[in-house]
C-alpha cells in the first residue's frame, strides 16, 4: 500500500519561487509506486492542495489533513520543500512535532538555530572545530553606530540579513561609505543584520544526510562566481557561476571539509539533507565556516542535486532514502 506523503512548498519569504521550483524536482523524482504525493502550497493566505482536476482543497490545520471527495487523508510523512520561513526556521517543524508527523528535515531547535546566521556562528565558534569570521550582530529596533562597527571589523565585510536565504538583501562592502546603505538594504529583508569580515579563499560546499544507520557525505562542490560574490543571480541564473562537482581540491582538503562537516552535522543534531558552506583560505590553510542550510535548494540548477548525481545516485533513490529515514 502506498504511503501518503505531503510535499510542502511555497512559504512566506522571497524564496517562494525557488521553493516551488524545488518542489517540481522533488515531486518528479519521488517513486510513484511507493508514495502517493500531495503537493501542498503554503502561503500567508492559505494552505491548500490543488488536485489534477483543478479542485482546491484547504488543509485542516487541526491535524494537517485533507478531505477530498468525502475521504479524509492523513500523512505518513512530510517532505519539507520550503526555503525560508516557515519551513526552514523551525516553525513548521515545531507544528509537525506537536502533531507527531515525521518530516524530512532538521527538528525545530536545530532549524531555528541554524536559520539565524549570527546565533549559529556563535554556537559553531564555541565548538572549536572550524574557524569563524569576526562579526557584529545588530537589530533594527536597537541603536548601533557605523563608526563602532568599523572599529571592530576590518574591511571588506559582508552585510546580510541574519535570517534570510538565497543571498537576498546581501552586500559586499569595501569602503566605510558603503556600510550604512548596505545595512539599510539588509534591514528591508529582516529585523536582524549580520556584518562579518570577508575571508578571501575558495568557496566549498558539501551536502550530508543520515540514512541506513549512518551519515552519507556527498561530493564537495566548488563555487566560482563571475560576480563579486555568490548572490541570488549567481545562484539561480545558469552561466553566472561555475559550480564544479567534485571540487578540484587535494585529498587533504577533501578530508578536512568532509570531517568538519560531519562533526558539525552531529554536534548541531542535524537530520535529513543539510548543506554546509565553507571558505578555504589558501594563504593560511585554514577552513572557515560560512553557514548551515537545512533546506538546500532542489531545483535542477541547485547544488545538492548536482552532488547526488556526481555520487552516482539517482534523485529518486536519494529522496526515497530521506523519506524512509524520517519514518523509521
C-alpha atoms as a PDB file:
ATOM      1  CA  UNK A   1       0.000   0.000   0.000  1.00  0.00           C
ATOM      2  CA  UNK A   2       1.329   3.431  -0.939  1.00  0.00           C
ATOM      3  CA  UNK A   3       2.307   5.833   1.805  1.00  0.00           C
ATOM      4  CA  UNK A   4       0.700   9.261   1.790  1.00  0.00           C
ATOM      5  CA  UNK A   5       3.343  11.983   1.545  1.00  0.00           C
ATOM      6  CA  UNK A   6       2.695  15.704   1.844  1.00  0.00           C
ATOM      7  CA  UNK A   7       5.217  17.722  -0.151  1.00  0.00           C
ATOM      8  CA  UNK A   8       5.013  21.226   1.306  1.00  0.00           C
ATOM      9  CA  UNK A   9       6.264  24.151  -0.767  1.00  0.00           C
ATOM     10  CA  UNK A  10       5.884  27.904  -1.061  1.00  0.00           C
ATOM     11  CA  UNK A  11       6.358  29.776   2.187  1.00  0.00           C
ATOM     12  CA  UNK A  12       6.179  33.363   3.349  1.00  0.00           C
ATOM     13  CA  UNK A  13       9.532  34.706   2.128  1.00  0.00           C
ATOM     14  CA  UNK A  14      11.187  35.968  -1.044  1.00  0.00           C
ATOM     15  CA  UNK A  15      12.339  32.408  -1.645  1.00  0.00           C
ATOM     16  CA  UNK A  16       8.791  31.290  -2.545  1.00  0.00           C
ATOM     17  CA  UNK A  17       9.632  30.932  -6.250  1.00  0.00           C
ATOM     18  CA  UNK A  18      12.750  28.848  -5.552  1.00  0.00           C
ATOM     19  CA  UNK A  19      10.736  26.606  -3.219  1.00  0.00           C
ATOM     20  CA  UNK A  20       8.141  25.929  -5.916  1.00  0.00           C
ATOM     21  CA  UNK A  21      10.964  25.067  -8.350  1.00  0.00           C
ATOM     22  CA  UNK A  22      12.480  22.707  -5.764  1.00  0.00           C
ATOM     23  CA  UNK A  23       9.101  21.029  -5.277  1.00  0.00           C
ATOM     24  CA  UNK A  24       8.837  20.282  -9.006  1.00  0.00           C
ATOM     25  CA  UNK A  25      12.170  18.413  -8.918  1.00  0.00           C
ATOM     26  CA  UNK A  26      11.240  16.544  -5.737  1.00  0.00           C
ATOM     27  CA  UNK A  27       7.780  15.544  -6.987  1.00  0.00           C
ATOM     28  CA  UNK A  28       9.154  14.371 -10.337  1.00  0.00           C
ATOM     29  CA  UNK A  29      11.647  12.119  -8.562  1.00  0.00           C
ATOM     30  CA  UNK A  30       9.528  10.541  -5.829  1.00  0.00           C
ATOM     31  CA  UNK A  31       8.727   6.910  -6.601  1.00  0.00           C
ATOM     32  CA  UNK A  32       5.043   6.898  -7.575  1.00  0.00           C
ATOM     33  CA  UNK A  33       4.843   3.137  -6.977  1.00  0.00           C
ATOM     34  CA  UNK A  34       5.644   3.704  -3.283  1.00  0.00           C
ATOM     35  CA  UNK A  35       4.275   7.135  -2.489  1.00  0.00           C
ATOM     36  CA  UNK A  36       1.015   8.991  -3.080  1.00  0.00           C
ATOM     37  CA  UNK A  37       2.296  12.569  -3.164  1.00  0.00           C
ATOM     38  CA  UNK A  38       0.124  15.575  -2.346  1.00  0.00           C
ATOM     39  CA  UNK A  39       1.848  18.884  -3.080  1.00  0.00           C
ATOM     40  CA  UNK A  40       0.594  21.437  -0.579  1.00  0.00           C
ATOM     41  CA  UNK A  41       1.366  25.098  -1.228  1.00  0.00           C
ATOM     42  CA  UNK A  42       1.691  27.205   1.891  1.00  0.00           C
ATOM     43  CA  UNK A  43       1.176  30.976   1.756  1.00  0.00           C
ATOM     44  CA  UNK A  44       0.196  33.546   4.374  1.00  0.00           C
ATOM     45  CA  UNK A  45      -3.324  33.482   2.939  1.00  0.00           C
ATOM     46  CA  UNK A  46      -3.927  29.727   2.891  1.00  0.00           C
ATOM     47  CA  UNK A  47      -2.517  26.201   2.925  1.00  0.00           C
ATOM     48  CA  UNK A  48      -4.006  24.192   0.079  1.00  0.00           C
ATOM     49  CA  UNK A  49      -3.746  21.232  -2.276  1.00  0.00           C
ATOM     50  CA  UNK A  50      -4.783  21.502  -5.925  1.00  0.00           C
ATOM     51  CA  UNK A  51      -5.888  18.211  -7.455  1.00  0.00           C
ATOM     52  CA  UNK A  52      -5.348  17.054 -11.028  1.00  0.00           C
ATOM     53  CA  UNK A  53      -8.900  18.221 -11.786  1.00  0.00           C
ATOM     54  CA  UNK A  54      -8.064  21.741 -10.582  1.00  0.00           C
ATOM     55  CA  UNK A  55     -10.152  21.443  -7.421  1.00  0.00           C
ATOM     56  CA  UNK A  56      -8.549  23.273  -4.478  1.00  0.00           C
ATOM     57  CA  UNK A  57      -8.741  21.678  -1.022  1.00  0.00           C
ATOM     58  CA  UNK A  58      -7.808  23.608   2.107  1.00  0.00           C
ATOM     59  CA  UNK A  59      -5.648  21.898   4.730  1.00  0.00           C
ATOM     60  CA  UNK A  60      -7.283  21.212   8.078  1.00  0.00           C
ATOM     61  CA  UNK A  61      -4.612  22.708  10.361  1.00  0.00           C
ATOM     62  CA  UNK A  62      -6.016  20.904  13.407  1.00  0.00           C
ATOM     63  CA  UNK A  63      -4.321  17.693  12.257  1.00  0.00           C
ATOM     64  CA  UNK A  64      -2.745  18.662   8.894  1.00  0.00           C
ATOM     65  CA  UNK A  65      -5.184  16.595   6.851  1.00  0.00           C
ATOM     66  CA  UNK A  66      -7.112  16.921   3.597  1.00  0.00           C
ATOM     67  CA  UNK A  67     -10.691  15.900   2.911  1.00  0.00           C
ATOM     68  CA  UNK A  68     -11.143  15.051  -0.780  1.00  0.00           C
ATOM     69  CA  UNK A  69     -14.423  13.723  -2.172  1.00  0.00           C
ATOM     70  CA  UNK A  70     -15.576  12.969   1.354  1.00  0.00           C
ATOM     71  CA  UNK A  71     -12.466  10.969   2.226  1.00  0.00           C
ATOM     72  CA  UNK A  72     -10.100  12.165   4.936  1.00  0.00           C
ATOM     73  CA  UNK A  73      -6.402  11.899   4.010  1.00  0.00           C
ATOM     74  CA  UNK A  74      -3.721  11.918   6.690  1.00  0.00           C
ATOM     75  CA  UNK A  75       0.008  11.717   6.045  1.00  0.00           C
ATOM     76  CA  UNK A  76       2.670   9.146   6.845  1.00  0.00           C
ATOM     77  CA  UNK A  77       5.401  11.767   6.411  1.00  0.00           C
ATOM     78  CA  UNK A  78       6.035  15.337   5.311  1.00  0.00           C
ATOM     79  CA  UNK A  79       8.679  16.242   2.736  1.00  0.00           C
ATOM     80  CA  UNK A  80       9.506  19.853   3.582  1.00  0.00           C
ATOM     81  CA  UNK A  81      10.458  21.800   0.472  1.00  0.00           C
ATOM     82  CA  UNK A  82      10.144  25.356   1.808  1.00  0.00           C
ATOM     83  CA  UNK A  83      13.163  27.669   1.877  1.00  0.00           C
ATOM     84  CA  UNK A  84      12.894  30.451   4.420  1.00  0.00           C
ATOM     85  CA  UNK A  85      10.014  30.907   6.847  1.00  0.00           C
ATOM     86  CA  UNK A  86       8.038  28.926   7.973  1.00  0.00           C
ATOM     87  CA  UNK A  87       9.601  25.743   6.583  1.00  0.00           C
ATOM     88  CA  UNK A  88      13.287  26.298   7.339  1.00  0.00           C
ATOM     89  CA  UNK A  89      13.242  28.309  10.544  1.00  0.00           C
ATOM     90  CA  UNK A  90      11.686  25.695  12.835  1.00  0.00           C
ATOM     91  CA  UNK A  91       8.083  26.927  12.814  1.00  0.00           C
ATOM     92  CA  UNK A  92       6.570  24.137  10.725  1.00  0.00           C
ATOM     93  CA  UNK A  93       8.912  21.651  12.368  1.00  0.00           C
ATOM     94  CA  UNK A  94       7.510  22.523  15.801  1.00  0.00           C
ATOM     95  CA  UNK A  95       3.959  22.184  14.450  1.00  0.00           C
ATOM     96  CA  UNK A  96       4.646  18.753  12.934  1.00  0.00           C
ATOM     97  CA  UNK A  97       6.472  17.637  16.081  1.00  0.00           C
ATOM     98  CA  UNK A  98       3.397  18.546  18.146  1.00  0.00           C
ATOM     99  CA  UNK A  99       1.185  16.569  15.749  1.00  0.00           C
ATOM    100  CA  UNK A 100       3.575  13.610  15.760  1.00  0.00           C
ATOM    101  CA  UNK A 101       4.007  13.539  11.979  1.00  0.00           C
ATOM    102  CA  UNK A 102       7.542  12.654  10.791  1.00  0.00           C
ATOM    103  CA  UNK A 103       9.265  15.032   8.394  1.00  0.00           C
ATOM    104  CA  UNK A 104      12.430  15.037   6.309  1.00  0.00           C
ATOM    105  CA  UNK A 105      14.373  17.972   7.736  1.00  0.00           C
ATOM    106  CA  UNK A 106      16.084  19.001  10.982  1.00  0.00           C
ATOM    107  CA  UNK A 107      13.952  19.402  14.093  1.00  0.00           C
ATOM    108  CA  UNK A 108      12.573  22.666  15.432  1.00  0.00           C
ATOM    109  CA  UNK A 109      15.505  23.716  17.635  1.00  0.00           C
ATOM    110  CA  UNK A 110      18.235  22.929  15.095  1.00  0.00           C
ATOM    111  CA  UNK A 111      16.263  24.582  12.294  1.00  0.00           C
ATOM    112  CA  UNK A 112      15.698  27.760  14.321  1.00  0.00           C
ATOM    113  CA  UNK A 113      19.330  27.962  15.416  1.00  0.00           C
ATOM    114  CA  UNK A 114      20.893  27.385  12.011  1.00  0.00           C
ATOM    115  CA  UNK A 115      18.419  29.738  10.307  1.00  0.00           C
ATOM    116  CA  UNK A 116      19.827  32.665  12.290  1.00  0.00           C
ATOM    117  CA  UNK A 117      23.331  33.092  10.884  1.00  0.00           C
ATOM    118  CA  UNK A 118      24.610  35.117  13.825  1.00  0.00           C
ATOM    119  CA  UNK A 119      23.449  32.784  16.596  1.00  0.00           C
ATOM    120  CA  UNK A 120      24.635  29.786  14.577  1.00  0.00           C
ATOM    121  CA  UNK A 121      28.072  31.383  14.195  1.00  0.00           C
ATOM    122  CA  UNK A 122      28.320  31.777  17.959  1.00  0.00           C
ATOM    123  CA  UNK A 123      27.459  28.121  18.601  1.00  0.00           C
ATOM    124  CA  UNK A 124      29.788  26.828  15.859  1.00  0.00           C
ATOM    125  CA  UNK A 125      32.609  29.047  17.151  1.00  0.00           C
ATOM    126  CA  UNK A 126      32.146  27.599  20.656  1.00  0.00           C
ATOM    127  CA  UNK A 127      32.519  24.045  19.277  1.00  0.00           C
ATOM    128  CA  UNK A 128      36.120  24.901  18.256  1.00  0.00           C
ATOM    129  CA  UNK A 129      36.147  22.598  15.227  1.00  0.00           C
ATOM    130  CA  UNK A 130      36.367  25.240  12.476  1.00  0.00           C
ATOM    131  CA  UNK A 131      37.309  28.914  12.138  1.00  0.00           C
ATOM    132  CA  UNK A 132      34.533  31.524  12.188  1.00  0.00           C
ATOM    133  CA  UNK A 133      34.946  35.014  10.747  1.00  0.00           C
ATOM    134  CA  UNK A 134      34.692  38.009  13.118  1.00  0.00           C
ATOM    135  CA  UNK A 135      31.251  39.595  13.010  1.00  0.00           C
ATOM    136  CA  UNK A 136      28.809  42.090  14.519  1.00  0.00           C
ATOM    137  CA  UNK A 137      25.095  41.374  15.035  1.00  0.00           C
ATOM    138  CA  UNK A 138      22.706  44.368  15.015  1.00  0.00           C
ATOM    139  CA  UNK A 139      18.949  44.789  15.432  1.00  0.00           C
ATOM    140  CA  UNK A 140      16.544  47.187  13.719  1.00  0.00           C
ATOM    141  CA  UNK A 141      14.958  48.342  16.995  1.00  0.00           C
ATOM    142  CA  UNK A 142      18.257  48.824  18.848  1.00  0.00           C
ATOM    143  CA  UNK A 143      20.770  51.649  18.335  1.00  0.00           C
ATOM    144  CA  UNK A 144      24.019  50.948  16.505  1.00  0.00           C
ATOM    145  CA  UNK A 145      26.921  53.099  15.336  1.00  0.00           C
ATOM    146  CA  UNK A 146      28.617  52.544  11.986  1.00  0.00           C
ATOM    147  CA  UNK A 147      31.848  54.006  13.388  1.00  0.00           C
ATOM    148  CA  UNK A 148      31.884  51.435  16.200  1.00  0.00           C
ATOM    149  CA  UNK A 149      31.272  48.584  13.750  1.00  0.00           C
ATOM    150  CA  UNK A 150      34.194  49.770  11.620  1.00  0.00           C
ATOM    151  CA  UNK A 151      36.412  49.806  14.725  1.00  0.00           C
ATOM    152  CA  UNK A 152      35.552  46.175  15.461  1.00  0.00           C
ATOM    153  CA  UNK A 153      35.839  44.763  11.915  1.00  0.00           C
ATOM    154  CA  UNK A 154      38.271  45.222   9.045  1.00  0.00           C
ATOM    155  CA  UNK A 155      37.005  45.921   5.545  1.00  0.00           C
ATOM    156  CA  UNK A 156      35.820  44.425   3.311  1.00  0.00           C
ATOM    157  CA  UNK A 157      32.797  42.967   5.078  1.00  0.00           C
ATOM    158  CA  UNK A 158      29.644  41.134   4.064  1.00  0.00           C
ATOM    159  CA  UNK A 159      26.347  42.595   5.241  1.00  0.00           C
ATOM    160  CA  UNK A 160      23.421  40.188   5.195  1.00  0.00           C
ATOM    161  CA  UNK A 161      20.011  39.599   6.789  1.00  0.00           C
ATOM    162  CA  UNK A 162      20.604  37.338   9.792  1.00  0.00           C
ATOM    163  CA  UNK A 163      17.594  35.202   8.897  1.00  0.00           C
ATOM    164  CA  UNK A 164      17.467  35.342   5.119  1.00  0.00           C
ATOM    165  CA  UNK A 165      18.396  32.908   2.383  1.00  0.00           C
ATOM    166  CA  UNK A 166      19.416  32.871  -1.271  1.00  0.00           C
ATOM    167  CA  UNK A 167      21.649  35.929  -0.618  1.00  0.00           C
ATOM    168  CA  UNK A 168      18.624  38.257  -0.843  1.00  0.00           C
ATOM    169  CA  UNK A 169      19.492  41.648   0.705  1.00  0.00           C
ATOM    170  CA  UNK A 170      23.202  40.822   0.895  1.00  0.00           C
ATOM    171  CA  UNK A 171      26.044  43.229   0.038  1.00  0.00           C
ATOM    172  CA  UNK A 172      29.822  43.207  -0.051  1.00  0.00           C
ATOM    173  CA  UNK A 173      31.145  46.430   1.469  1.00  0.00           C
ATOM    174  CA  UNK A 174      34.623  47.673   0.567  1.00  0.00           C
ATOM    175  CA  UNK A 175      34.543  51.253   1.870  1.00  0.00           C
ATOM    176  CA  UNK A 176      33.239  52.905   5.031  1.00  0.00           C
ATOM    177  CA  UNK A 177      30.770  54.981   2.996  1.00  0.00           C
ATOM    178  CA  UNK A 178      29.084  51.829   1.646  1.00  0.00           C
ATOM    179  CA  UNK A 179      28.304  50.335   5.053  1.00  0.00           C
ATOM    180  CA  UNK A 180      25.211  52.326   6.076  1.00  0.00           C
ATOM    181  CA  UNK A 181      23.380  51.820   2.727  1.00  0.00           C
ATOM    182  CA  UNK A 182      24.201  48.094   2.880  1.00  0.00           C
ATOM    183  CA  UNK A 183      22.779  47.857   6.408  1.00  0.00           C
ATOM    184  CA  UNK A 184      19.593  49.628   5.298  1.00  0.00           C
ATOM    185  CA  UNK A 185      19.279  47.234   2.337  1.00  0.00           C
ATOM    186  CA  UNK A 186      19.581  44.205   4.654  1.00  0.00           C
ATOM    187  CA  UNK A 187      17.069  45.669   7.122  1.00  0.00           C
ATOM    188  CA  UNK A 188      14.490  45.748   4.309  1.00  0.00           C
ATOM    189  CA  UNK A 189      14.592  41.927   4.416  1.00  0.00           C
ATOM    190  CA  UNK A 190      14.950  41.253   8.141  1.00  0.00           C
ATOM    191  CA  UNK A 191      14.892  42.840  11.597  1.00  0.00           C
ATOM    192  CA  UNK A 192      18.398  41.490  12.331  1.00  0.00           C
ATOM    193  CA  UNK A 193      21.584  42.026  10.338  1.00  0.00           C
ATOM    194  CA  UNK A 194      24.913  40.206  10.412  1.00  0.00           C
ATOM    195  CA  UNK A 195      28.074  42.060   9.399  1.00  0.00           C
ATOM    196  CA  UNK A 196      31.111  39.815   9.043  1.00  0.00           C
ATOM    197  CA  UNK A 197      34.651  40.118   7.809  1.00  0.00           C
ATOM    198  CA  UNK A 198      35.356  38.909   4.295  1.00  0.00           C
ATOM    199  CA  UNK A 199      37.630  35.873   4.026  1.00  0.00           C
ATOM    200  CA  UNK A 200      39.459  35.554   0.723  1.00  0.00           C
ATOM    201  CA  UNK A 201      39.510  31.944  -0.396  1.00  0.00           C
ATOM    202  CA  UNK A 202      37.769  29.138  -2.239  1.00  0.00           C
ATOM    203  CA  UNK A 203      34.066  28.597  -1.578  1.00  0.00           C
ATOM    204  CA  UNK A 204      33.416  24.917  -0.903  1.00  0.00           C
ATOM    205  CA  UNK A 205      30.033  23.427  -0.075  1.00  0.00           C
ATOM    206  CA  UNK A 206      29.034  19.892   0.852  1.00  0.00           C
ATOM    207  CA  UNK A 207      25.764  18.037   1.402  1.00  0.00           C
ATOM    208  CA  UNK A 208      25.248  15.380   4.085  1.00  0.00           C
ATOM    209  CA  UNK A 209      22.305  13.256   5.136  1.00  0.00           C
ATOM    210  CA  UNK A 210      21.537  10.469   7.572  1.00  0.00           C
ATOM    211  CA  UNK A 211      20.213   7.175   6.201  1.00  0.00           C
ATOM    212  CA  UNK A 212      20.627   3.439   6.777  1.00  0.00           C
ATOM    213  CA  UNK A 213      22.279   3.887  10.155  1.00  0.00           C
ATOM    214  CA  UNK A 214      24.975   6.303   9.092  1.00  0.00           C
ATOM    215  CA  UNK A 215      25.793   9.681   7.548  1.00  0.00           C
ATOM    216  CA  UNK A 216      26.322   9.842   3.795  1.00  0.00           C
ATOM    217  CA  UNK A 217      28.695  12.614   2.714  1.00  0.00           C
ATOM    218  CA  UNK A 218      28.167  13.822  -0.846  1.00  0.00           C
ATOM    219  CA  UNK A 219      30.946  15.121  -3.129  1.00  0.00           C
ATOM    220  CA  UNK A 220      32.185  18.668  -2.493  1.00  0.00           C
ATOM    221  CA  UNK A 221      31.247  21.475  -4.876  1.00  0.00           C
ATOM    222  CA  UNK A 222      33.468  24.489  -5.502  1.00  0.00           C
ATOM    223  CA  UNK A 223      31.536  27.639  -6.387  1.00  0.00           C
ATOM    224  CA  UNK A 224      33.355  30.093  -8.634  1.00  0.00           C
ATOM    225  CA  UNK A 225      31.160  33.136  -9.291  1.00  0.00           C
ATOM    226  CA  UNK A 226      31.756  35.621 -12.079  1.00  0.00           C
ATOM    227  CA  UNK A 227      30.169  38.213  -9.799  1.00  0.00           C
ATOM    228  CA  UNK A 228      31.575  39.840  -6.667  1.00  0.00           C
ATOM    229  CA  UNK A 229      30.006  37.076  -4.560  1.00  0.00           C
ATOM    230  CA  UNK A 230      27.537  34.176  -4.855  1.00  0.00           C
ATOM    231  CA  UNK A 231      24.369  36.298  -4.829  1.00  0.00           C
ATOM    232  CA  UNK A 232      20.787  35.492  -5.878  1.00  0.00           C
ATOM    233  CA  UNK A 233      21.531  35.967  -9.587  1.00  0.00           C
ATOM    234  CA  UNK A 234      24.688  33.873  -9.381  1.00  0.00           C
ATOM    235  CA  UNK A 235      22.819  31.078  -7.577  1.00  0.00           C
ATOM    236  CA  UNK A 236      19.836  30.804  -9.873  1.00  0.00           C
ATOM    237  CA  UNK A 237      20.918  32.080 -13.307  1.00  0.00           C
ATOM    238  CA  UNK A 238      22.669  29.425 -15.413  1.00  0.00           C
ATOM    239  CA  UNK A 239      26.127  30.502 -16.550  1.00  0.00           C
ATOM    240  CA  UNK A 240      26.662  33.275 -13.995  1.00  0.00           C
ATOM    241  CA  UNK A 241      28.595  30.996 -11.661  1.00  0.00           C
ATOM    242  CA  UNK A 242      30.703  27.939 -12.288  1.00  0.00           C
ATOM    243  CA  UNK A 243      29.850  25.111  -9.913  1.00  0.00           C
ATOM    244  CA  UNK A 244      32.415  22.314 -10.079  1.00  0.00           C
ATOM    245  CA  UNK A 245      31.444  18.930  -8.646  1.00  0.00           C
ATOM    246  CA  UNK A 246      33.512  17.158  -7.413  1.00  0.00           C
ATOM    247  CA  UNK A 247      35.604  20.158  -6.396  1.00  0.00           C
ATOM    248  CA  UNK A 248      39.172  20.168  -7.779  1.00  0.00           C
ATOM    249  CA  UNK A 249      40.843  20.102  -4.359  1.00  0.00           C
ATOM    250  CA  UNK A 250      43.512  17.921  -2.807  1.00  0.00           C
ATOM    251  CA  UNK A 251      42.741  14.780  -0.827  1.00  0.00           C
ATOM    252  CA  UNK A 252      43.864  16.640   2.292  1.00  0.00           C
ATOM    253  CA  UNK A 253      41.368  19.478   1.782  1.00  0.00           C
ATOM    254  CA  UNK A 254      38.635  16.964   0.866  1.00  0.00           C
ATOM    255  CA  UNK A 255      39.174  15.095   4.144  1.00  0.00           C
ATOM    256  CA  UNK A 256      39.229  18.361   6.117  1.00  0.00           C
ATOM    257  CA  UNK A 257      35.904  19.522   4.645  1.00  0.00           C
ATOM    258  CA  UNK A 258      34.246  16.115   4.965  1.00  0.00           C
ATOM    259  CA  UNK A 259      35.370  15.567   8.558  1.00  0.00           C
ATOM    260  CA  UNK A 260      34.490  19.099   9.680  1.00  0.00           C
ATOM    261  CA  UNK A 261      31.061  18.941   8.037  1.00  0.00           C
ATOM    262  CA  UNK A 262      30.327  15.566   9.650  1.00  0.00           C
ATOM    263  CA  UNK A 263      31.264  16.859  13.107  1.00  0.00           C
ATOM    264  CA  UNK A 264      29.050  19.922  12.645  1.00  0.00           C
ATOM    265  CA  UNK A 265      26.152  17.785  11.355  1.00  0.00           C
ATOM    266  CA  UNK A 266      26.337  15.649  14.504  1.00  0.00           C
ATOM    267  CA  UNK A 267      27.047  18.424  17.017  1.00  0.00           C
ATOM    268  CA  UNK A 268      24.186  20.560  15.697  1.00  0.00           C
ATOM    269  CA  UNK A 269      21.879  17.493  15.722  1.00  0.00           C
ATOM    270  CA  UNK A 270      21.017  17.786  12.039  1.00  0.00           C
ATOM    271  CA  UNK A 271      18.576  15.482  10.264  1.00  0.00           C
ATOM    272  CA  UNK A 272      17.753  14.966   6.604  1.00  0.00           C
ATOM    273  CA  UNK A 273      19.744  16.656   3.872  1.00  0.00           C
ATOM    274  CA  UNK A 274      21.870  19.536   5.127  1.00  0.00           C
ATOM    275  CA  UNK A 275      24.349  21.578   3.090  1.00  0.00           C
ATOM    276  CA  UNK A 276      27.251  23.222   4.888  1.00  0.00           C
ATOM    277  CA  UNK A 277      29.230  26.021   3.246  1.00  0.00           C
ATOM    278  CA  UNK A 278      32.873  26.865   3.907  1.00  0.00           C
ATOM    279  CA  UNK A 279      35.665  29.144   2.717  1.00  0.00           C
ATOM    280  CA  UNK A 280      39.122  27.585   2.428  1.00  0.00           C
ATOM    281  CA  UNK A 281      41.736  30.300   2.931  1.00  0.00           C
ATOM    282  CA  UNK A 282      44.655  29.118   0.829  1.00  0.00           C
ATOM    283  CA  UNK A 283      47.142  31.628   2.257  1.00  0.00           C
ATOM    284  CA  UNK A 284      46.791  30.173   5.779  1.00  0.00           C
ATOM    285  CA  UNK A 285      45.450  26.692   5.008  1.00  0.00           C
ATOM    286  CA  UNK A 286      42.525  27.413   7.333  1.00  0.00           C
ATOM    287  CA  UNK A 287      38.920  26.368   6.822  1.00  0.00           C
ATOM    288  CA  UNK A 288      36.260  28.959   7.705  1.00  0.00           C
ATOM    289  CA  UNK A 289      32.599  28.227   8.392  1.00  0.00           C
ATOM    290  CA  UNK A 290      30.031  30.146   6.306  1.00  0.00           C
ATOM    291  CA  UNK A 291      26.610  28.696   7.095  1.00  0.00           C
ATOM    292  CA  UNK A 292      24.381  25.660   7.536  1.00  0.00           C
ATOM    293  CA  UNK A 293      21.499  25.275   5.092  1.00  0.00           C
ATOM    294  CA  UNK A 294      18.896  22.836   6.440  1.00  0.00           C
ATOM    295  CA  UNK A 295      16.661  23.070   3.355  1.00  0.00           C
ATOM    296  CA  UNK A 296      19.078  23.367   0.446  1.00  0.00           C
ATOM    297  CA  UNK A 297      17.645  24.078  -2.993  1.00  0.00           C
ATOM    298  CA  UNK A 298      16.467  21.095  -5.039  1.00  0.00           C
ATOM    299  CA  UNK A 299      15.803  22.767  -8.400  1.00  0.00           C
ATOM    300  CA  UNK A 300      17.669  21.449 -11.444  1.00  0.00           C
ATOM    301  CA  UNK A 301      20.319  24.191 -11.081  1.00  0.00           C
ATOM    302  CA  UNK A 302      20.821  23.559  -7.357  1.00  0.00           C
ATOM    303  CA  UNK A 303      23.981  22.268  -5.711  1.00  0.00           C
ATOM    304  CA  UNK A 304      22.666  19.199  -3.859  1.00  0.00           C
ATOM    305  CA  UNK A 305      21.111  17.558  -6.955  1.00  0.00           C
ATOM    306  CA  UNK A 306      24.465  18.097  -8.690  1.00  0.00           C
ATOM    307  CA  UNK A 307      26.241  16.391  -5.786  1.00  0.00           C
ATOM    308  CA  UNK A 308      23.765  13.493  -5.698  1.00  0.00           C
ATOM    309  CA  UNK A 309      24.290  12.828  -9.395  1.00  0.00           C
ATOM    310  CA  UNK A 310      28.078  13.124  -9.009  1.00  0.00           C
ATOM    311  CA  UNK A 311      27.928  10.472  -6.264  1.00  0.00           C
ATOM    312  CA  UNK A 312      26.405   8.029  -8.754  1.00  0.00           C
ATOM    313  CA  UNK A 313      22.933   8.050  -7.193  1.00  0.00           C
ATOM    314  CA  UNK A 314      19.603   8.908  -8.711  1.00  0.00           C
ATOM    315  CA  UNK A 315      17.456  11.629  -7.184  1.00  0.00           C
ATOM    316  CA  UNK A 316      14.684   9.042  -6.812  1.00  0.00           C
ATOM    317  CA  UNK A 317      16.854   6.857  -4.579  1.00  0.00           C
ATOM    318  CA  UNK A 318      18.091   9.908  -2.651  1.00  0.00           C
ATOM    319  CA  UNK A 319      14.638  11.359  -1.927  1.00  0.00           C
ATOM    320  CA  UNK A 320      13.349   7.888  -1.084  1.00  0.00           C
ATOM    321  CA  UNK A 321      16.160   7.450   1.450  1.00  0.00           C
ATOM    322  CA  UNK A 322      15.284  10.772   3.114  1.00  0.00           C
ATOM    323  CA  UNK A 323      11.629   9.759   3.436  1.00  0.00           C
ATOM    324  CA  UNK A 324      12.288   6.241   4.706  1.00  0.00           C
ATOM    325  CA  UNK A 325      14.791   7.532   7.277  1.00  0.00           C
ATOM    326  CA  UNK A 326      12.341  10.035   8.772  1.00  0.00           C
ATOM    327  CA  UNK A 327       9.609   7.354   9.005  1.00  0.00           C
ATOM    328  CA  UNK A 328      11.719   4.871  10.980  1.00  0.00           C
END
